[in-house]
């Protein structure tokens, strides 16, 4: 628990929320044809939106090295 920074918690929370919105039965609320968004059915727009959100979160996670442990001085080598 000591490695969970607020940034990591927000990334994990955002990913979990996005997966829930994309894969849970909540998607049946978006299963409508009538509200067209730019000529596309709402279900397609719903799925594309959450895929873009997840892709952006994974990009932020990649750039912040969220899966790597914090560097310590024990792993560094000293130059003579």
PDB file of N, CA and C in Angstrom:
ATOM      1  N   UNK A   1       0.815  -1.208   0.000  1.00  0.00           N
ATOM      2  CA  UNK A   1       0.000   0.000   0.000  1.00  0.00           C
ATOM      3  C   UNK A   1       0.849   1.258   0.000  1.00  0.00           C
ATOM      4  N   UNK A   2       2.128   1.153   0.313  1.00  0.00           N
ATOM      5  CA  UNK A   2       2.928   2.364   0.379  1.00  0.00           C
ATOM      6  C   UNK A   2       3.294   2.902  -0.995  1.00  0.00           C
ATOM      7  N   UNK A   3       3.125   2.086  -2.055  1.00  0.00           N
ATOM      8  CA  UNK A   3       3.458   2.539  -3.391  1.00  0.00           C
ATOM      9  C   UNK A   3       2.280   3.161  -4.124  1.00  0.00           C
ATOM     10  N   UNK A   4       1.106   3.229  -3.507  1.00  0.00           N
ATOM     11  CA  UNK A   4      -0.058   3.814  -4.157  1.00  0.00           C
ATOM     12  C   UNK A   4      -0.058   5.323  -3.959  1.00  0.00           C
ATOM     13  N   UNK A   5       0.341   6.026  -4.994  1.00  0.00           N
ATOM     14  CA  UNK A   5       0.297   7.484  -4.968  1.00  0.00           C
ATOM     15  C   UNK A   5      -1.075   7.922  -5.464  1.00  0.00           C
ATOM     16  N   UNK A   6      -1.440   9.159  -5.262  1.00  0.00           N
ATOM     17  CA  UNK A   6      -2.735   9.628  -5.785  1.00  0.00           C
ATOM     18  C   UNK A   6      -2.848   9.484  -7.304  1.00  0.00           C
ATOM     19  N   UNK A   7      -1.745   9.651  -8.031  1.00  0.00           N
ATOM     20  CA  UNK A   7      -1.782   9.480  -9.482  1.00  0.00           C
ATOM     21  C   UNK A   7      -2.091   8.033  -9.846  1.00  0.00           C
ATOM     22  N   UNK A   8      -1.439   7.083  -9.166  1.00  0.00           N
ATOM     23  CA  UNK A   8      -1.693   5.673  -9.448  1.00  0.00           C
ATOM     24  C   UNK A   8      -3.122   5.291  -9.094  1.00  0.00           C
ATOM     25  N   UNK A   9      -3.611   5.783  -7.979  1.00  0.00           N
ATOM     26  CA  UNK A   9      -4.990   5.476  -7.587  1.00  0.00           C
ATOM     27  C   UNK A   9      -5.990   6.052  -8.581  1.00  0.00           C
ATOM     28  N   UNK A  10      -5.718   7.252  -9.086  1.00  0.00           N
ATOM     29  CA  UNK A  10      -6.653   7.833 -10.053  1.00  0.00           C
ATOM     30  C   UNK A  10      -6.595   7.084 -11.391  1.00  0.00           C
ATOM     31  N   UNK A  11      -5.409   6.616 -11.787  1.00  0.00           N
ATOM     32  CA  UNK A  11      -5.309   5.832 -13.026  1.00  0.00           C
ATOM     33  C   UNK A  11      -6.028   4.506 -12.861  1.00  0.00           C
ATOM     34  N   UNK A  12      -5.785   3.806 -11.748  1.00  0.00           N
ATOM     35  CA  UNK A  12      -6.479   2.543 -11.494  1.00  0.00           C
ATOM     36  C   UNK A  12      -7.991   2.740 -11.436  1.00  0.00           C
ATOM     37  N   UNK A  13      -8.424   3.776 -10.742  1.00  0.00           N
ATOM     38  CA  UNK A  13      -9.853   4.047 -10.632  1.00  0.00           C
ATOM     39  C   UNK A  13     -10.480   4.380 -11.973  1.00  0.00           C
ATOM     40  N   UNK A  14      -9.793   5.187 -12.766  1.00  0.00           N
ATOM     41  CA  UNK A  14     -10.311   5.527 -14.088  1.00  0.00           C
ATOM     42  C   UNK A  14     -10.391   4.325 -15.006  1.00  0.00           C
ATOM     43  N   UNK A  15      -9.393   3.445 -14.934  1.00  0.00           N
ATOM     44  CA  UNK A  15      -9.421   2.236 -15.761  1.00  0.00           C
ATOM     45  C   UNK A  15     -10.543   1.304 -15.333  1.00  0.00           C
ATOM     46  N   UNK A  16     -10.699   1.136 -14.047  1.00  0.00           N
ATOM     47  CA  UNK A  16     -11.763   0.271 -13.544  1.00  0.00           C
ATOM     48  C   UNK A  16     -13.135   0.825 -13.925  1.00  0.00           C
ATOM     49  N   UNK A  17     -13.325   2.123 -13.756  1.00  0.00           N
ATOM     50  CA  UNK A  17     -14.597   2.741 -14.115  1.00  0.00           C
ATOM     51  C   UNK A  17     -14.872   2.614 -15.616  1.00  0.00           C
ATOM     52  N   UNK A  18     -13.839   2.812 -16.435  1.00  0.00           N
ATOM     53  CA  UNK A  18     -14.018   2.709 -17.879  1.00  0.00           C
ATOM     54  C   UNK A  18     -14.372   1.297 -18.310  1.00  0.00           C
ATOM     55  N   UNK A  19     -13.705   0.303 -17.714  1.00  0.00           N
ATOM     56  CA  UNK A  19     -14.036  -1.082 -18.034  1.00  0.00           C
ATOM     57  C   UNK A  19     -15.463  -1.416 -17.609  1.00  0.00           C
ATOM     58  N   UNK A  20     -15.885  -0.915 -16.463  1.00  0.00           N
ATOM     59  CA  UNK A  20     -17.258  -1.163 -16.006  1.00  0.00           C
ATOM     60  C   UNK A  20     -18.259  -0.524 -16.965  1.00  0.00           C
ATOM     61  N   UNK A  21     -17.991   0.700 -17.392  1.00  0.00           N
ATOM     62  CA  UNK A  21     -18.911   1.369 -18.306  1.00  0.00           C
ATOM     63  C   UNK A  21     -18.932   0.706 -19.679  1.00  0.00           C
ATOM     64  N   UNK A  22     -17.853   0.044 -20.051  1.00  0.00           N
ATOM     65  CA  UNK A  22     -17.761  -0.575 -21.366  1.00  0.00           C
ATOM     66  C   UNK A  22     -18.318  -1.989 -21.385  1.00  0.00           C
ATOM     67  N   UNK A  23     -18.139  -2.745 -20.318  1.00  0.00           N
ATOM     68  CA  UNK A  23     -18.442  -4.171 -20.349  1.00  0.00           C
ATOM     69  C   UNK A  23     -19.592  -4.612 -19.446  1.00  0.00           C
ATOM     70  N   UNK A  24     -20.132  -3.751 -18.639  1.00  0.00           N
ATOM     71  CA  UNK A  24     -21.181  -4.167 -17.714  1.00  0.00           C
ATOM     72  C   UNK A  24     -22.558  -4.095 -18.390  1.00  0.00           C
ATOM     73  N   UNK A  25     -23.588  -4.574 -17.720  1.00  0.00           N
ATOM     74  CA  UNK A  25     -24.943  -4.443 -18.285  1.00  0.00           C
ATOM     75  C   UNK A  25     -25.419  -3.002 -18.436  1.00  0.00           C
ATOM     76  N   UNK A  26     -24.659  -2.053 -17.940  1.00  0.00           N
ATOM     77  CA  UNK A  26     -25.015  -0.644 -18.114  1.00  0.00           C
ATOM     78  C   UNK A  26     -25.017  -0.283 -19.599  1.00  0.00           C
ATOM     79  N   UNK A  27     -24.250  -1.031 -20.392  1.00  0.00           N
ATOM     80  CA  UNK A  27     -24.193  -0.750 -21.822  1.00  0.00           C
ATOM     81  C   UNK A  27     -25.561  -0.967 -22.480  1.00  0.00           C
ATOM     82  N   UNK A  28     -26.414  -1.751 -21.869  1.00  0.00           N
ATOM     83  CA  UNK A  28     -27.762  -1.947 -22.421  1.00  0.00           C
ATOM     84  C   UNK A  28     -28.600  -0.664 -22.350  1.00  0.00           C
ATOM     85  N   UNK A  29     -28.256   0.241 -21.441  1.00  0.00           N
ATOM     86  CA  UNK A  29     -28.933   1.534 -21.415  1.00  0.00           C
ATOM     87  C   UNK A  29     -28.558   2.366 -22.645  1.00  0.00           C
ATOM     88  N   UNK A  30     -27.374   2.105 -23.202  1.00  0.00           N
ATOM     89  CA  UNK A  30     -26.930   2.839 -24.381  1.00  0.00           C
ATOM     90  C   UNK A  30     -27.326   2.142 -25.667  1.00  0.00           C
ATOM     91  N   UNK A  31     -27.969   0.984 -25.568  1.00  0.00           N
ATOM     92  CA  UNK A  31     -28.322   0.216 -26.762  1.00  0.00           C
ATOM     93  C   UNK A  31     -29.570   0.798 -27.409  1.00  0.00           C
ATOM     94  N   UNK A  32     -29.395   1.912 -28.043  1.00  0.00           N
ATOM     95  CA  UNK A  32     -30.480   2.596 -28.718  1.00  0.00           C
ATOM     96  C   UNK A  32     -30.000   3.007 -30.105  1.00  0.00           C
ATOM     97  N   UNK A  33     -30.930   3.083 -31.042  1.00  0.00           N
ATOM     98  CA  UNK A  33     -30.579   3.516 -32.382  1.00  0.00           C
ATOM     99  C   UNK A  33     -30.987   4.963 -32.601  1.00  0.00           C
ATOM    100  N   UNK A  34     -32.062   5.385 -31.957  1.00  0.00           N
ATOM    101  CA  UNK A  34     -32.654   6.686 -32.260  1.00  0.00           C
ATOM    102  C   UNK A  34     -31.735   7.872 -31.975  1.00  0.00           C
ATOM    103  N   UNK A  35     -31.098   8.001 -30.825  1.00  0.00           N
ATOM    104  CA  UNK A  35     -30.222   9.177 -30.706  1.00  0.00           C
ATOM    105  C   UNK A  35     -28.956   8.962 -31.532  1.00  0.00           C
ATOM    106  N   UNK A  36     -28.948   9.531 -32.719  1.00  0.00           N
ATOM    107  CA  UNK A  36     -27.789   9.410 -33.598  1.00  0.00           C
ATOM    108  C   UNK A  36     -26.795  10.519 -33.266  1.00  0.00           C
ATOM    109  N   UNK A  37     -25.534  10.170 -33.205  1.00  0.00           N
ATOM    110  CA  UNK A  37     -24.481  11.146 -32.953  1.00  0.00           C
ATOM    111  C   UNK A  37     -23.578  11.135 -34.184  1.00  0.00           C
ATOM    112  N   UNK A  38     -23.591  12.219 -34.910  1.00  0.00           N
ATOM    113  CA  UNK A  38     -22.836  12.354 -36.154  1.00  0.00           C
ATOM    114  C   UNK A  38     -23.128  11.206 -37.122  1.00  0.00           C
ATOM    115  N   UNK A  39     -24.368  10.758 -37.168  1.00  0.00           N
ATOM    116  CA  UNK A  39     -24.789   9.718 -38.088  1.00  0.00           C
ATOM    117  C   UNK A  39     -24.532   8.300 -37.621  1.00  0.00           C
ATOM    118  N   UNK A  40     -23.989   8.133 -36.404  1.00  0.00           N
ATOM    119  CA  UNK A  40     -23.704   6.804 -35.866  1.00  0.00           C
ATOM    120  C   UNK A  40     -24.693   6.464 -34.761  1.00  0.00           C
ATOM    121  N   UNK A  41     -25.076   5.194 -34.629  1.00  0.00           N
ATOM    122  CA  UNK A  41     -25.947   4.814 -33.519  1.00  0.00           C
ATOM    123  C   UNK A  41     -25.260   5.072 -32.177  1.00  0.00           C
ATOM    124  N   UNK A  42     -26.067   5.325 -31.173  1.00  0.00           N
ATOM    125  CA  UNK A  42     -25.532   5.716 -29.871  1.00  0.00           C
ATOM    126  C   UNK A  42     -24.669   4.619 -29.249  1.00  0.00           C
ATOM    127  N   UNK A  43     -25.009   3.348 -29.462  1.00  0.00           N
ATOM    128  CA  UNK A  43     -24.212   2.263 -28.884  1.00  0.00           C
ATOM    129  C   UNK A  43     -22.789   2.278 -29.434  1.00  0.00           C
ATOM    130  N   UNK A  44     -22.635   2.539 -30.711  1.00  0.00           N
ATOM    131  CA  UNK A  44     -21.306   2.604 -31.307  1.00  0.00           C
ATOM    132  C   UNK A  44     -20.525   3.793 -30.748  1.00  0.00           C
ATOM    133  N   UNK A  45     -21.180   4.924 -30.611  1.00  0.00           N
ATOM    134  CA  UNK A  45     -20.523   6.100 -30.039  1.00  0.00           C
ATOM    135  C   UNK A  45     -20.132   5.836 -28.586  1.00  0.00           C
ATOM    136  N   UNK A  46     -21.004   5.149 -27.832  1.00  0.00           N
ATOM    137  CA  UNK A  46     -20.729   4.801 -26.437  1.00  0.00           C
ATOM    138  C   UNK A  46     -19.467   3.956 -26.339  1.00  0.00           C
ATOM    139  N   UNK A  47     -19.375   2.908 -27.167  1.00  0.00           N
ATOM    140  CA  UNK A  47     -18.208   2.034 -27.127  1.00  0.00           C
ATOM    141  C   UNK A  47     -16.942   2.767 -27.560  1.00  0.00           C
ATOM    142  N   UNK A  48     -17.044   3.563 -28.605  1.00  0.00           N
ATOM    143  CA  UNK A  48     -15.871   4.308 -29.060  1.00  0.00           C
ATOM    144  C   UNK A  48     -15.399   5.304 -28.013  1.00  0.00           C
ATOM    145  N   UNK A  49     -16.327   5.971 -27.343  1.00  0.00           N
ATOM    146  CA  UNK A  49     -15.955   6.927 -26.302  1.00  0.00           C
ATOM    147  C   UNK A  49     -15.160   6.246 -25.202  1.00  0.00           C
ATOM    148  N   UNK A  50     -15.648   5.108 -24.699  1.00  0.00           N
ATOM    149  CA  UNK A  50     -14.952   4.457 -23.592  1.00  0.00           C
ATOM    150  C   UNK A  50     -13.642   3.821 -24.029  1.00  0.00           C
ATOM    151  N   UNK A  51     -13.550   3.386 -25.294  1.00  0.00           N
ATOM    152  CA  UNK A  51     -12.262   2.891 -25.787  1.00  0.00           C
ATOM    153  C   UNK A  51     -11.254   4.028 -25.883  1.00  0.00           C
ATOM    154  N   UNK A  52     -11.679   5.205 -26.321  1.00  0.00           N
ATOM    155  CA  UNK A  52     -10.774   6.347 -26.363  1.00  0.00           C
ATOM    156  C   UNK A  52     -10.342   6.765 -24.960  1.00  0.00           C
ATOM    157  N   UNK A  53     -11.258   6.722 -23.999  1.00  0.00           N
ATOM    158  CA  UNK A  53     -10.909   7.053 -22.609  1.00  0.00           C
ATOM    159  C   UNK A  53      -9.879   6.064 -22.078  1.00  0.00           C
ATOM    160  N   UNK A  54     -10.103   4.773 -22.314  1.00  0.00           N
ATOM    161  CA  UNK A  54      -9.145   3.767 -21.851  1.00  0.00           C
ATOM    162  C   UNK A  54      -7.789   3.931 -22.533  1.00  0.00           C
ATOM    163  N   UNK A  55      -7.786   4.216 -23.811  1.00  0.00           N
ATOM    164  CA  UNK A  55      -6.527   4.414 -24.528  1.00  0.00           C
ATOM    165  C   UNK A  55      -5.770   5.612 -23.965  1.00  0.00           C
ATOM    166  N   UNK A  56      -6.477   6.678 -23.676  1.00  0.00           N
ATOM    167  CA  UNK A  56      -5.832   7.856 -23.092  1.00  0.00           C
ATOM    168  C   UNK A  56      -5.281   7.546 -21.703  1.00  0.00           C
ATOM    169  N   UNK A  57      -6.026   6.779 -20.904  1.00  0.00           N
ATOM    170  CA  UNK A  57      -5.532   6.415 -19.576  1.00  0.00           C
ATOM    171  C   UNK A  57      -4.300   5.517 -19.655  1.00  0.00           C
ATOM    172  N   UNK A  58      -4.302   4.574 -20.578  1.00  0.00           N
ATOM    173  CA  UNK A  58      -3.117   3.731 -20.745  1.00  0.00           C
ATOM    174  C   UNK A  58      -1.924   4.546 -21.232  1.00  0.00           C
ATOM    175  N   UNK A  59      -2.160   5.546 -22.060  1.00  0.00           N
ATOM    176  CA  UNK A  59      -1.078   6.411 -22.514  1.00  0.00           C
ATOM    177  C   UNK A  59      -0.507   7.218 -21.355  1.00  0.00           C
ATOM    178  N   UNK A  60      -1.367   7.767 -20.519  1.00  0.00           N
ATOM    179  CA  UNK A  60      -0.907   8.497 -19.335  1.00  0.00           C
ATOM    180  C   UNK A  60      -0.139   7.555 -18.409  1.00  0.00           C
ATOM    181  N   UNK A  61      -0.639   6.336 -18.237  1.00  0.00           N
ATOM    182  CA  UNK A  61       0.042   5.364 -17.384  1.00  0.00           C
ATOM    183  C   UNK A  61       1.411   5.010 -17.955  1.00  0.00           C
ATOM    184  N   UNK A  62       1.516   4.885 -19.253  1.00  0.00           N
ATOM    185  CA  UNK A  62       2.795   4.567 -19.875  1.00  0.00           C
ATOM    186  C   UNK A  62       3.804   5.694 -19.674  1.00  0.00           C
ATOM    187  N   UNK A  63       3.366   6.926 -19.862  1.00  0.00           N
ATOM    188  CA  UNK A  63       4.280   8.053 -19.732  1.00  0.00           C
ATOM    189  C   UNK A  63       4.695   8.324 -18.289  1.00  0.00           C
ATOM    190  N   UNK A  64       3.897   7.896 -17.324  1.00  0.00           N
ATOM    191  CA  UNK A  64       4.244   8.131 -15.921  1.00  0.00           C
ATOM    192  C   UNK A  64       4.906   6.926 -15.267  1.00  0.00           C
ATOM    193  N   UNK A  65       5.152   5.846 -16.036  1.00  0.00           N
ATOM    194  CA  UNK A  65       5.796   4.636 -15.510  1.00  0.00           C
ATOM    195  C   UNK A  65       5.089   4.125 -14.261  1.00  0.00           C
ATOM    196  N   UNK A  66       3.786   4.008 -14.320  1.00  0.00           N
ATOM    197  CA  UNK A  66       2.989   3.666 -13.145  1.00  0.00           C
ATOM    198  C   UNK A  66       3.188   2.232 -12.703  1.00  0.00           C
ATOM    199  N   UNK A  67       3.689   1.337 -13.527  1.00  0.00           N
ATOM    200  CA  UNK A  67       3.896  -0.048 -13.125  1.00  0.00           C
ATOM    201  C   UNK A  67       5.267  -0.312 -12.569  1.00  0.00           C
ATOM    202  N   UNK A  68       6.168   0.642 -12.680  1.00  0.00           N
ATOM    203  CA  UNK A  68       7.536   0.451 -12.217  1.00  0.00           C
ATOM    204  C   UNK A  68       7.653   0.841 -10.749  1.00  0.00           C
ATOM    205  N   UNK A  69       8.458   0.082 -10.013  1.00  0.00           N
ATOM    206  CA  UNK A  69       8.682   0.495  -8.618  1.00  0.00           C
ATOM    207  C   UNK A  69       9.517   1.769  -8.574  1.00  0.00           C
ATOM    208  N   UNK A  70       9.450   2.428  -7.454  1.00  0.00           N
ATOM    209  CA  UNK A  70      10.216   3.661  -7.299  1.00  0.00           C
ATOM    210  C   UNK A  70      11.701   3.328  -7.287  1.00  0.00           C
ATOM    211  N   UNK A  71      12.518   4.112  -7.970  1.00  0.00           N
ATOM    212  CA  UNK A  71      13.948   3.829  -7.975  1.00  0.00           C
ATOM    213  C   UNK A  71      14.556   4.043  -6.597  1.00  0.00           C
ATOM    214  N   UNK A  72      15.435   3.162  -6.251  1.00  0.00           N
ATOM    215  CA  UNK A  72      16.114   3.281  -4.951  1.00  0.00           C
ATOM    216  C   UNK A  72      17.605   3.433  -5.194  1.00  0.00           C
ATOM    217  N   UNK A  73      18.325   3.828  -4.182  1.00  0.00           N
ATOM    218  CA  UNK A  73      19.771   4.005  -4.314  1.00  0.00           C
ATOM    219  C   UNK A  73      20.488   2.670  -4.278  1.00  0.00           C
ATOM    220  N   UNK A  74      19.844   1.589  -3.844  1.00  0.00           N
ATOM    221  CA  UNK A  74      20.482   0.282  -3.777  1.00  0.00           C
ATOM    222  C   UNK A  74      20.699  -0.309  -5.165  1.00  0.00           C
ATOM    223  N   UNK A  75      19.916   0.126  -6.148  1.00  0.00           N
ATOM    224  CA  UNK A  75      20.016  -0.446  -7.482  1.00  0.00           C
ATOM    225  C   UNK A  75      20.991   0.322  -8.384  1.00  0.00           C
ATOM    226  N   UNK A  76      21.433   1.446  -7.937  1.00  0.00           N
ATOM    227  CA  UNK A  76      22.330   2.234  -8.760  1.00  0.00           C
ATOM    228  C   UNK A  76      23.764   1.801  -8.531  1.00  0.00           C
ATOM    229  N   UNK A  77      24.559   1.925  -9.560  1.00  0.00           N
ATOM    230  CA  UNK A  77      25.977   1.596  -9.434  1.00  0.00           C
ATOM    231  C   UNK A  77      26.767   2.881  -9.319  1.00  0.00           C
ATOM    232  N   UNK A  78      27.776   2.857  -8.501  1.00  0.00           N
ATOM    233  CA  UNK A  78      28.607   4.051  -8.314  1.00  0.00           C
ATOM    234  C   UNK A  78      29.757   4.018  -9.311  1.00  0.00           C
ATOM    235  N   UNK A  79      30.015   5.147  -9.902  1.00  0.00           N
ATOM    236  CA  UNK A  79      31.124   5.269 -10.824  1.00  0.00           C
ATOM    237  C   UNK A  79      32.389   5.598 -10.035  1.00  0.00           C
ATOM    238  N   UNK A  80      33.508   4.942 -10.339  1.00  0.00           N
ATOM    239  CA  UNK A  80      34.751   5.227  -9.575  1.00  0.00           C
ATOM    240  C   UNK A  80      35.342   6.565  -9.936  1.00  0.00           C
TER     241      UNK A  80
END
